[in-house]
PDB file of N, CA and C in Angstrom:
ATOM      1  N   MET A   1       0.842  -1.205  -0.148  1.00  0.00           N
ATOM      2  CA  MET A   1       0.036   0.128  -0.017  1.00  0.00           C
ATOM      3  C   MET A   1       1.125   1.440  -0.025  1.00  0.00           C
ATOM      4  N   VAL A   2       0.866   2.234  -1.115  1.00  0.00           N
ATOM      5  CA  VAL A   2       1.442   3.601  -1.084  1.00  0.00           C
ATOM      6  C   VAL A   2       0.436   4.758  -0.871  1.00  0.00           C
ATOM      7  N   LEU A   3       0.974   5.291   0.258  1.00  0.00           N
ATOM      8  CA  LEU A   3      -0.143   6.382   0.514  1.00  0.00           C
ATOM      9  C   LEU A   3       0.679   7.843   0.221  1.00  0.00           C
ATOM     10  N   LEU A   4      -0.315   8.553  -0.523  1.00  0.00           N
ATOM     11  CA  LEU A   4       0.376   9.743  -0.695  1.00  0.00           C
ATOM     12  C   LEU A   4      -0.406  10.927  -0.753  1.00  0.00           C
ATOM     13  N   ASN A   5       0.713  12.049  -0.125  1.00  0.00           N
ATOM     14  CA  ASN A   5      -0.369  13.374   0.415  1.00  0.00           C
ATOM     15  C   ASN A   5      -0.492  13.891  -1.098  1.00  0.00           C
ATOM     16  N   THR A   6      -0.990  15.475  -0.620  1.00  0.00           N
ATOM     17  CA  THR A   6      -1.844  16.111  -1.868  1.00  0.00           C
ATOM     18  C   THR A   6      -0.819  16.816  -2.709  1.00  0.00           C
ATOM     19  N   TYR A   7       0.523  16.514  -2.608  1.00  0.00           N
ATOM     20  CA  TYR A   7       1.329  17.158  -2.841  1.00  0.00           C
ATOM     21  C   TYR A   7       1.992  16.093  -4.012  1.00  0.00           C
ATOM     22  N   SER A   8       1.517  14.463  -4.207  1.00  0.00           N
ATOM     23  CA  SER A   8       1.917  13.453  -4.553  1.00  0.00           C
ATOM     24  C   SER A   8       3.413  13.289  -4.170  1.00  0.00           C
ATOM     25  N   GLU A   9       3.709  13.550  -3.349  1.00  0.00           N
ATOM     26  CA  GLU A   9       5.338  12.856  -2.603  1.00  0.00           C
ATOM     27  C   GLU A   9       5.101  11.383  -1.865  1.00  0.00           C
ATOM     28  N   LEU A  10       5.766  10.535  -2.088  1.00  0.00           N
ATOM     29  CA  LEU A  10       6.094   9.299  -1.479  1.00  0.00           C
ATOM     30  C   LEU A  10       5.783   9.169   0.181  1.00  0.00           C
ATOM     31  N   THR A  11       4.976   9.069   1.268  1.00  0.00           N
ATOM     32  CA  THR A  11       5.234   9.265   2.112  1.00  0.00           C
ATOM     33  C   THR A  11       5.153   8.223   3.280  1.00  0.00           C
ATOM     34  N   HIS A  12       4.675   7.292   2.615  1.00  0.00           N
ATOM     35  CA  HIS A  12       4.801   5.872   3.390  1.00  0.00           C
ATOM     36  C   HIS A  12       4.374   4.540   2.798  1.00  0.00           C
ATOM     37  N   VAL A  13       5.081   3.820   2.926  1.00  0.00           N
ATOM     38  CA  VAL A  13       4.609   2.239   2.392  1.00  0.00           C
ATOM     39  C   VAL A  13       4.619   1.335   2.960  1.00  0.00           C
ATOM     40  N   LEU A  14       3.957   0.394   2.653  1.00  0.00           N
ATOM     41  CA  LEU A  14       3.819  -0.522   4.102  1.00  0.00           C
ATOM     42  C   LEU A  14       3.243  -1.799   3.272  1.00  0.00           C
ATOM     43  N   LEU A  15       4.102  -2.637   3.101  1.00  0.00           N
ATOM     44  CA  LEU A  15       3.925  -4.082   2.365  1.00  0.00           C
ATOM     45  C   LEU A  15       4.037  -5.161   3.381  1.00  0.00           C
ATOM     46  N   VAL A  16       3.287  -6.032   3.558  1.00  0.00           N
ATOM     47  CA  VAL A  16       3.226  -6.958   4.856  1.00  0.00           C
ATOM     48  C   VAL A  16       3.261  -8.729   3.535  1.00  0.00           C
ATOM     49  N   SER A  17       4.065  -9.258   3.907  1.00  0.00           N
ATOM     50  CA  SER A  17       4.388 -10.352   3.333  1.00  0.00           C
ATOM     51  C   SER A  17       4.441 -11.525   4.698  1.00  0.00           C
ATOM     52  N   THR A  18       4.041 -13.078   4.125  1.00  0.00           N
ATOM     53  CA  THR A  18       3.998 -13.663   5.247  1.00  0.00           C
ATOM     54  C   THR A  18       4.530 -14.835   4.644  1.00  0.00           C
ATOM     55  N   VAL A  19       5.720 -15.586   5.749  1.00  0.00           N
ATOM     56  CA  VAL A  19       6.849 -16.461   4.949  1.00  0.00           C
ATOM     57  C   VAL A  19       6.778 -17.410   6.128  1.00  0.00           C
ATOM     58  N   PRO A  20       6.229 -18.191   5.915  1.00  0.00           N
ATOM     59  CA  PRO A  20       6.725 -19.784   6.992  1.00  0.00           C
ATOM     60  C   PRO A  20       8.037 -19.920   7.472  1.00  0.00           C
ATOM     61  N   LEU A  21       8.696 -20.018   8.781  1.00  0.00           N
ATOM     62  CA  LEU A  21      10.014 -20.087   8.997  1.00  0.00           C
ATOM     63  C   LEU A  21      10.271 -20.756   8.979  1.00  0.00           C
ATOM     64  N   MET A  22       9.910 -22.090   9.362  1.00  0.00           N
ATOM     65  CA  MET A  22      10.202 -23.377   9.393  1.00  0.00           C
ATOM     66  C   MET A  22      11.059 -24.026   8.384  1.00  0.00           C
ATOM     67  N   MET A  23      12.256 -24.008   8.876  1.00  0.00           N
ATOM     68  CA  MET A  23      12.922 -24.417   7.670  1.00  0.00           C
ATOM     69  C   MET A  23      13.185 -23.364   6.729  1.00  0.00           C
ATOM     70  N   ALA A  24      13.325 -22.279   6.970  1.00  0.00           N
ATOM     71  CA  ALA A  24      13.349 -20.766   6.212  1.00  0.00           C
ATOM     72  C   ALA A  24      14.767 -20.379   5.908  1.00  0.00           C
ATOM     73  N   TYR A  25      15.274 -19.647   5.097  1.00  0.00           N
ATOM     74  CA  TYR A  25      16.705 -19.391   5.367  1.00  0.00           C
ATOM     75  C   TYR A  25      16.429 -17.727   4.906  1.00  0.00           C
ATOM     76  N   VAL A  26      18.027 -17.373   5.507  1.00  0.00           N
ATOM     77  CA  VAL A  26      18.044 -15.836   5.307  1.00  0.00           C
ATOM     78  C   VAL A  26      19.413 -15.564   4.647  1.00  0.00           C
ATOM     79  N   THR A  27      19.080 -14.645   2.879  1.00  0.00           N
ATOM     80  CA  THR A  27      19.816 -14.460   1.965  1.00  0.00           C
ATOM     81  C   THR A  27      20.967 -12.836   2.151  1.00  0.00           C
ATOM     82  N   ARG A  28      21.625 -12.939   1.963  1.00  0.00           N
ATOM     83  CA  ARG A  28      22.328 -11.224   1.847  1.00  0.00           C
ATOM     84  C   ARG A  28      23.182 -11.453   0.770  1.00  0.00           C
ATOM     85  N   TYR A  29      23.253 -10.211   0.479  1.00  0.00           N
ATOM     86  CA  TYR A  29      24.498 -10.069  -0.694  1.00  0.00           C
ATOM     87  C   TYR A  29      25.901 -10.719   0.027  1.00  0.00           C
ATOM     88  N   ILE A  30      26.945 -10.559  -0.998  1.00  0.00           N
ATOM     89  CA  ILE A  30      28.553 -10.586  -0.450  1.00  0.00           C
ATOM     90  C   ILE A  30      28.428  -9.049  -0.043  1.00  0.00           C
ATOM     91  N   PHE A  31      29.273  -9.279   1.505  1.00  0.00           N
ATOM     92  CA  PHE A  31      29.494  -8.147   2.134  1.00  0.00           C
ATOM     93  C   PHE A  31      30.025  -6.997   1.052  1.00  0.00           C
ATOM     94  N   GLY A  32      29.999  -5.837   1.309  1.00  0.00           N
ATOM     95  CA  GLY A  32      30.687  -4.848   0.396  1.00  0.00           C
ATOM     96  C   GLY A  32      30.711  -5.111  -1.122  1.00  0.00           C
ATOM     97  N   THR A  33      29.991  -6.076  -1.954  1.00  0.00           N
ATOM     98  CA  THR A  33      29.613  -5.928  -3.423  1.00  0.00           C
ATOM     99  C   THR A  33      28.335  -4.979  -3.940  1.00  0.00           C
ATOM    100  N   ASP A  34      27.532  -5.059  -2.957  1.00  0.00           N
ATOM    101  CA  ASP A  34      26.214  -4.101  -3.178  1.00  0.00           C
ATOM    102  C   ASP A  34      26.732  -2.958  -2.559  1.00  0.00           C
ATOM    103  N   LYS A  35      26.698  -1.950  -3.361  1.00  0.00           N
ATOM    104  CA  LYS A  35      27.278  -0.588  -2.887  1.00  0.00           C
ATOM    105  C   LYS A  35      25.574   0.516  -2.517  1.00  0.00           C
ATOM    106  N   LEU A  36      24.707  -0.516  -3.574  1.00  0.00           N
ATOM    107  CA  LEU A  36      23.308   0.371  -3.118  1.00  0.00           C
ATOM    108  C   LEU A  36      22.823   0.056  -1.658  1.00  0.00           C
ATOM    109  N   ARG A  37      23.213  -1.865  -1.436  1.00  0.00           N
ATOM    110  CA  ARG A  37      21.971  -1.694  -0.519  1.00  0.00           C
ATOM    111  C   ARG A  37      23.059  -2.497   0.368  1.00  0.00           C
ATOM    112  N   PRO A  38      23.581  -1.965   1.399  1.00  0.00           N
ATOM    113  CA  PRO A  38      24.613  -2.725   1.891  1.00  0.00           C
ATOM    114  C   PRO A  38      24.084  -3.168   3.567  1.00  0.00           C
ATOM    115  N   ASN A  39      22.760  -2.730   3.238  1.00  0.00           N
ATOM    116  CA  ASN A  39      22.431  -3.613   4.855  1.00  0.00           C
ATOM    117  C   ASN A  39      20.637  -3.906   5.019  1.00  0.00           C
ATOM    118  N   ALA A  40      21.109  -5.077   3.836  1.00  0.00           N
ATOM    119  CA  ALA A  40      19.543  -5.652   3.067  1.00  0.00           C
ATOM    120  C   ALA A  40      19.572  -7.094   3.033  1.00  0.00           C
ATOM    121  N   PHE A  41      18.641  -7.569   3.601  1.00  0.00           N
ATOM    122  CA  PHE A  41      18.362  -9.055   3.364  1.00  0.00           C
ATOM    123  C   PHE A  41      17.338  -9.831   2.635  1.00  0.00           C
ATOM    124  N   GLU A  42      16.746 -10.864   2.366  1.00  0.00           N
ATOM    125  CA  GLU A  42      15.785 -11.264   2.348  1.00  0.00           C
ATOM    126  C   GLU A  42      15.480 -12.702   2.822  1.00  0.00           C
ATOM    127  N   VAL A  43      14.233 -13.058   3.478  1.00  0.00           N
ATOM    128  CA  VAL A  43      13.891 -13.863   4.093  1.00  0.00           C
ATOM    129  C   VAL A  43      13.184 -15.133   2.648  1.00  0.00           C
ATOM    130  N   ARG A  44      13.672 -16.406   2.943  1.00  0.00           N
ATOM    131  CA  ARG A  44      13.112 -17.020   1.442  1.00  0.00           C
ATOM    132  C   ARG A  44      12.422 -18.572   2.878  1.00  0.00           C
ATOM    133  N   GLY A  45      11.724 -18.968   2.460  1.00  0.00           N
ATOM    134  CA  GLY A  45      10.317 -19.871   3.422  1.00  0.00           C
ATOM    135  C   GLY A  45      10.974 -21.140   2.196  1.00  0.00           C
ATOM    136  N   LEU A  46      10.843 -22.460   3.075  1.00  0.00           N
ATOM    137  CA  LEU A  46      10.939 -23.510   2.355  1.00  0.00           C
ATOM    138  C   LEU A  46      10.248 -23.924   0.585  1.00  0.00           C
ATOM    139  N   ASN A  47       8.820 -23.099   0.819  1.00  0.00           N
ATOM    140  CA  ASN A  47       7.821 -23.275   0.132  1.00  0.00           C
ATOM    141  C   ASN A  47       8.691 -22.445  -1.208  1.00  0.00           C
ATOM    142  N   GLY A  48       9.271 -21.709  -1.227  1.00  0.00           N
ATOM    143  CA  GLY A  48       9.651 -20.709  -2.372  1.00  0.00           C
ATOM    144  C   GLY A  48       9.273 -19.213  -2.292  1.00  0.00           C
ATOM    145  N   VAL A  49       8.467 -19.098  -1.075  1.00  0.00           N
ATOM    146  CA  VAL A  49       8.089 -17.586  -0.873  1.00  0.00           C
ATOM    147  C   VAL A  49       9.091 -16.918  -0.643  1.00  0.00           C
ATOM    148  N   SER A  50       9.265 -15.713  -0.438  1.00  0.00           N
ATOM    149  CA  SER A  50      10.238 -14.835   0.079  1.00  0.00           C
ATOM    150  C   SER A  50       9.446 -13.509   0.475  1.00  0.00           C
ATOM    151  N   THR A  51      10.408 -12.768   1.103  1.00  0.00           N
ATOM    152  CA  THR A  51       9.716 -11.366   1.826  1.00  0.00           C
ATOM    153  C   THR A  51      10.203 -10.182   0.888  1.00  0.00           C
ATOM    154  N   GLY A  52      11.033 -10.990  -0.373  1.00  0.00           N
ATOM    155  CA  GLY A  52      11.018  -9.244  -0.754  1.00  0.00           C
ATOM    156  C   GLY A  52      12.722  -8.622  -0.174  1.00  0.00           C
ATOM    157  N   ILE A  53      13.768  -8.109  -0.825  1.00  0.00           N
ATOM    158  CA  ILE A  53      14.724  -7.594  -0.243  1.00  0.00           C
ATOM    159  C   ILE A  53      14.354  -6.058   0.887  1.00  0.00           C
ATOM    160  N   ILE A  54      14.547  -6.703   2.253  1.00  0.00           N
ATOM    161  CA  ILE A  54      14.038  -6.006   3.376  1.00  0.00           C
ATOM    162  C   ILE A  54      15.290  -4.587   3.338  1.00  0.00           C
ATOM    163  N   HIS A  55      15.371  -3.456   3.283  1.00  0.00           N
ATOM    164  CA  HIS A  55      16.313  -2.637   3.655  1.00  0.00           C
ATOM    165  C   HIS A  55      16.449  -2.193   5.212  1.00  0.00           C
ATOM    166  N   CYS A  56      17.305  -2.385   5.996  1.00  0.00           N
ATOM    167  CA  CYS A  56      17.849  -1.682   7.647  1.00  0.00           C
ATOM    168  C   CYS A  56      18.679  -0.193   7.191  1.00  0.00           C
ATOM    169  N   ASP A  57      18.299   0.746   8.367  1.00  0.00           N
ATOM    170  CA  ASP A  57      18.910   1.934   8.493  1.00  0.00           C
ATOM    171  C   ASP A  57      20.305   1.599   8.575  1.00  0.00           C
ATOM    172  N   ASP A  58      20.721   0.766   9.962  1.00  0.00           N
ATOM    173  CA  ASP A  58      22.548   0.551   9.577  1.00  0.00           C
ATOM    174  C   ASP A  58      22.292  -0.850  10.074  1.00  0.00           C
ATOM    175  N   ALA A  59      23.394  -1.060  10.325  1.00  0.00           N
ATOM    176  CA  ALA A  59      24.616  -2.339  10.318  1.00  0.00           C
ATOM    177  C   ALA A  59      23.959  -2.830  11.801  1.00  0.00           C
ATOM    178  N   ALA A  60      23.438  -1.982  12.764  1.00  0.00           N
ATOM    179  CA  ALA A  60      23.283  -2.514  13.924  1.00  0.00           C
ATOM    180  C   ALA A  60      21.706  -3.473  14.452  1.00  0.00           C
ATOM    181  N   ILE A  61      21.146  -2.177  13.220  1.00  0.00           N
ATOM    182  CA  ILE A  61      19.150  -2.912  13.346  1.00  0.00           C
ATOM    183  C   ILE A  61      19.401  -3.726  12.079  1.00  0.00           C
ATOM    184  N   LEU A  62      20.021  -4.128  11.151  1.00  0.00           N
ATOM    185  CA  LEU A  62      20.124  -5.164  10.139  1.00  0.00           C
ATOM    186  C   LEU A  62      20.702  -6.571  11.471  1.00  0.00           C
ATOM    187  N   SER A  63      21.802  -6.274  12.215  1.00  0.00           N
ATOM    188  CA  SER A  63      22.729  -7.101  12.936  1.00  0.00           C
ATOM    189  C   SER A  63      21.380  -7.934  13.742  1.00  0.00           C
ATOM    190  N   GLN A  64      20.506  -7.256  14.358  1.00  0.00           N
ATOM    191  CA  GLN A  64      19.239  -7.455  15.524  1.00  0.00           C
ATOM    192  C   GLN A  64      18.396  -8.483  14.442  1.00  0.00           C
ATOM    193  N   TRP A  65      17.913  -7.565  13.398  1.00  0.00           N
ATOM    194  CA  TRP A  65      16.871  -7.831  12.573  1.00  0.00           C
ATOM    195  C   TRP A  65      17.434  -9.645  12.481  1.00  0.00           C
ATOM    196  N   LEU A  66      18.425  -9.997  11.697  1.00  0.00           N
ATOM    197  CA  LEU A  66      19.013 -10.813  11.253  1.00  0.00           C
ATOM    198  C   LEU A  66      19.041 -12.018  12.651  1.00  0.00           C
ATOM    199  N   LYS A  67      19.729 -11.844  13.527  1.00  0.00           N
ATOM    200  CA  LYS A  67      19.504 -12.395  15.263  1.00  0.00           C
ATOM    201  C   LYS A  67      17.739 -13.101  15.384  1.00  0.00           C
ATOM    202  N   TYR A  68      16.903 -12.094  15.401  1.00  0.00           N
ATOM    203  CA  TYR A  68      15.525 -12.450  15.660  1.00  0.00           C
ATOM    204  C   TYR A  68      14.887 -13.477  14.175  1.00  0.00           C
ATOM    205  N   ILE A  69      15.127 -13.233  13.497  1.00  0.00           N
ATOM    206  CA  ILE A  69      14.770 -14.176  12.242  1.00  0.00           C
ATOM    207  C   ILE A  69      15.044 -15.397  12.573  1.00  0.00           C
ATOM    208  N   THR A  70      16.832 -15.624  12.775  1.00  0.00           N
ATOM    209  CA  THR A  70      17.345 -16.633  12.801  1.00  0.00           C
ATOM    210  C   THR A  70      17.058 -17.699  13.667  1.00  0.00           C
ATOM    211  N   ASP A  71      17.245 -16.974  15.242  1.00  0.00           N
ATOM    212  CA  ASP A  71      16.810 -17.406  16.071  1.00  0.00           C
ATOM    213  C   ASP A  71      15.239 -18.285  16.061  1.00  0.00           C
ATOM    214  N   ASN A  72      14.408 -17.675  15.493  1.00  0.00           N
ATOM    215  CA  ASN A  72      13.208 -17.974  15.236  1.00  0.00           C
ATOM    216  C   ASN A  72      13.097 -19.235  14.289  1.00  0.00           C
ATOM    217  N   ILE A  73      13.487 -19.434  13.507  1.00  0.00           N
ATOM    218  CA  ILE A  73      14.101 -20.024  12.346  1.00  0.00           C
ATOM    219  C   ILE A  73      14.622 -21.345  12.832  1.00  0.00           C
ATOM    220  N   VAL A  74      15.667 -21.266  13.808  1.00  0.00           N
ATOM    221  CA  VAL A  74      16.575 -22.617  14.359  1.00  0.00           C
ATOM    222  C   VAL A  74      15.332 -22.869  15.573  1.00  0.00           C
ATOM    223  N   GLY A  75      14.751 -22.212  16.268  1.00  0.00           N
ATOM    224  CA  GLY A  75      13.683 -22.641  17.326  1.00  0.00           C
ATOM    225  C   GLY A  75      12.636 -23.207  16.890  1.00  0.00           C
ATOM    226  N   LEU A  76      12.235 -23.162  15.532  1.00  0.00           N
ATOM    227  CA  LEU A  76      10.887 -23.685  14.948  1.00  0.00           C
ATOM    228  C   LEU A  76      11.685 -25.338  14.437  1.00  0.00           C
ATOM    229  N   THR A  77      12.959 -25.283  13.863  1.00  0.00           N
ATOM    230  CA  THR A  77      13.336 -25.887  13.414  1.00  0.00           C
ATOM    231  C   THR A  77      13.514 -27.142  14.191  1.00  0.00           C
ATOM    232  N   ASN A  78      13.702 -27.111  15.546  1.00  0.00           N
ATOM    233  CA  ASN A  78      14.252 -27.658  16.445  1.00  0.00           C
ATOM    234  C   ASN A  78      13.081 -28.529  16.988  1.00  0.00           C
ATOM    235  N   LEU A  79      12.249 -27.797  17.474  1.00  0.00           N
ATOM    236  CA  LEU A  79      10.829 -28.066  17.652  1.00  0.00           C
ATOM    237  C   LEU A  79      10.348 -29.076  17.049  1.00  0.00           C
ATOM    238  N   GLN A  80      10.234 -28.949  15.533  1.00  0.00           N
ATOM    239  CA  GLN A  80      10.312 -29.610  14.587  1.00  0.00           C
ATOM    240  C   GLN A  80      10.352 -31.527  14.994  1.00  0.00           C
ATOM    241  N   VAL A  81      11.947 -31.056  14.806  1.00  0.00           N
ATOM    242  CA  VAL A  81      12.971 -32.165  14.895  1.00  0.00           C
ATOM    243  C   VAL A  81      12.296 -32.808  16.291  1.00  0.00           C
ATOM    244  N   LEU A  82      12.194 -31.957  17.472  1.00  0.00           N
ATOM    245  CA  LEU A  82      11.998 -33.025  18.409  1.00  0.00           C
ATOM    246  C   LEU A  82      10.827 -33.533  18.385  1.00  0.00           C
ATOM    247  N   ILE A  83       9.855 -32.865  17.864  1.00  0.00           N
ATOM    248  CA  ILE A  83       8.317 -33.266  17.365  1.00  0.00           C
ATOM    249  C   ILE A  83       8.392 -34.974  17.101  1.00  0.00           C
ATOM    250  N   GLN A  84       8.854 -34.650  15.955  1.00  0.00           N
ATOM    251  CA  GLN A  84       9.112 -35.700  15.026  1.00  0.00           C
ATOM    252  C   GLN A  84       9.815 -37.182  15.178  1.00  0.00           C
ATOM    253  N   THR A  85      11.057 -37.025  16.482  1.00  0.00           N
ATOM    254  CA  THR A  85      11.711 -37.977  17.290  1.00  0.00           C
ATOM    255  C   THR A  85      10.278 -38.756  18.360  1.00  0.00           C
ATOM    256  N   HIS A  86       9.279 -37.731  18.833  1.00  0.00           N
ATOM    257  CA  HIS A  86       8.841 -38.644  19.644  1.00  0.00           C
ATOM    258  C   HIS A  86       7.472 -39.065  19.190  1.00  0.00           C
ATOM    259  N   LEU A  87       7.486 -38.892  17.951  1.00  0.00           N
ATOM    260  CA  LEU A  87       6.638 -39.366  17.439  1.00  0.00           C
ATOM    261  C   LEU A  87       6.738 -40.930  16.631  1.00  0.00           C
ATOM    262  N   ASP A  88       8.274 -40.713  16.271  1.00  0.00           N
ATOM    263  CA  ASP A  88       8.555 -42.252  15.592  1.00  0.00           C
ATOM    264  C   ASP A  88       9.172 -42.964  16.782  1.00  0.00           C
TER     265      ASP A  88
END
């Protein structure tokens, strides 16, 4: 969704994307190779769904987002393994 003010200037962009995190992975460009998007990443689900490229303001915010997302991916994957081993 793009909201425009009366002067037709871009003021706000809101895009919601749902990606199943179980067995998902995070992609990044090789550090230093992309001068336009140095603090960007993408989350891809096992089923091929993608978030698109997510841009962060600085490296600290990027690092925090990557930690939160990978912690959730690892937690869900470990939970699935635990459930499967108890079912067998």
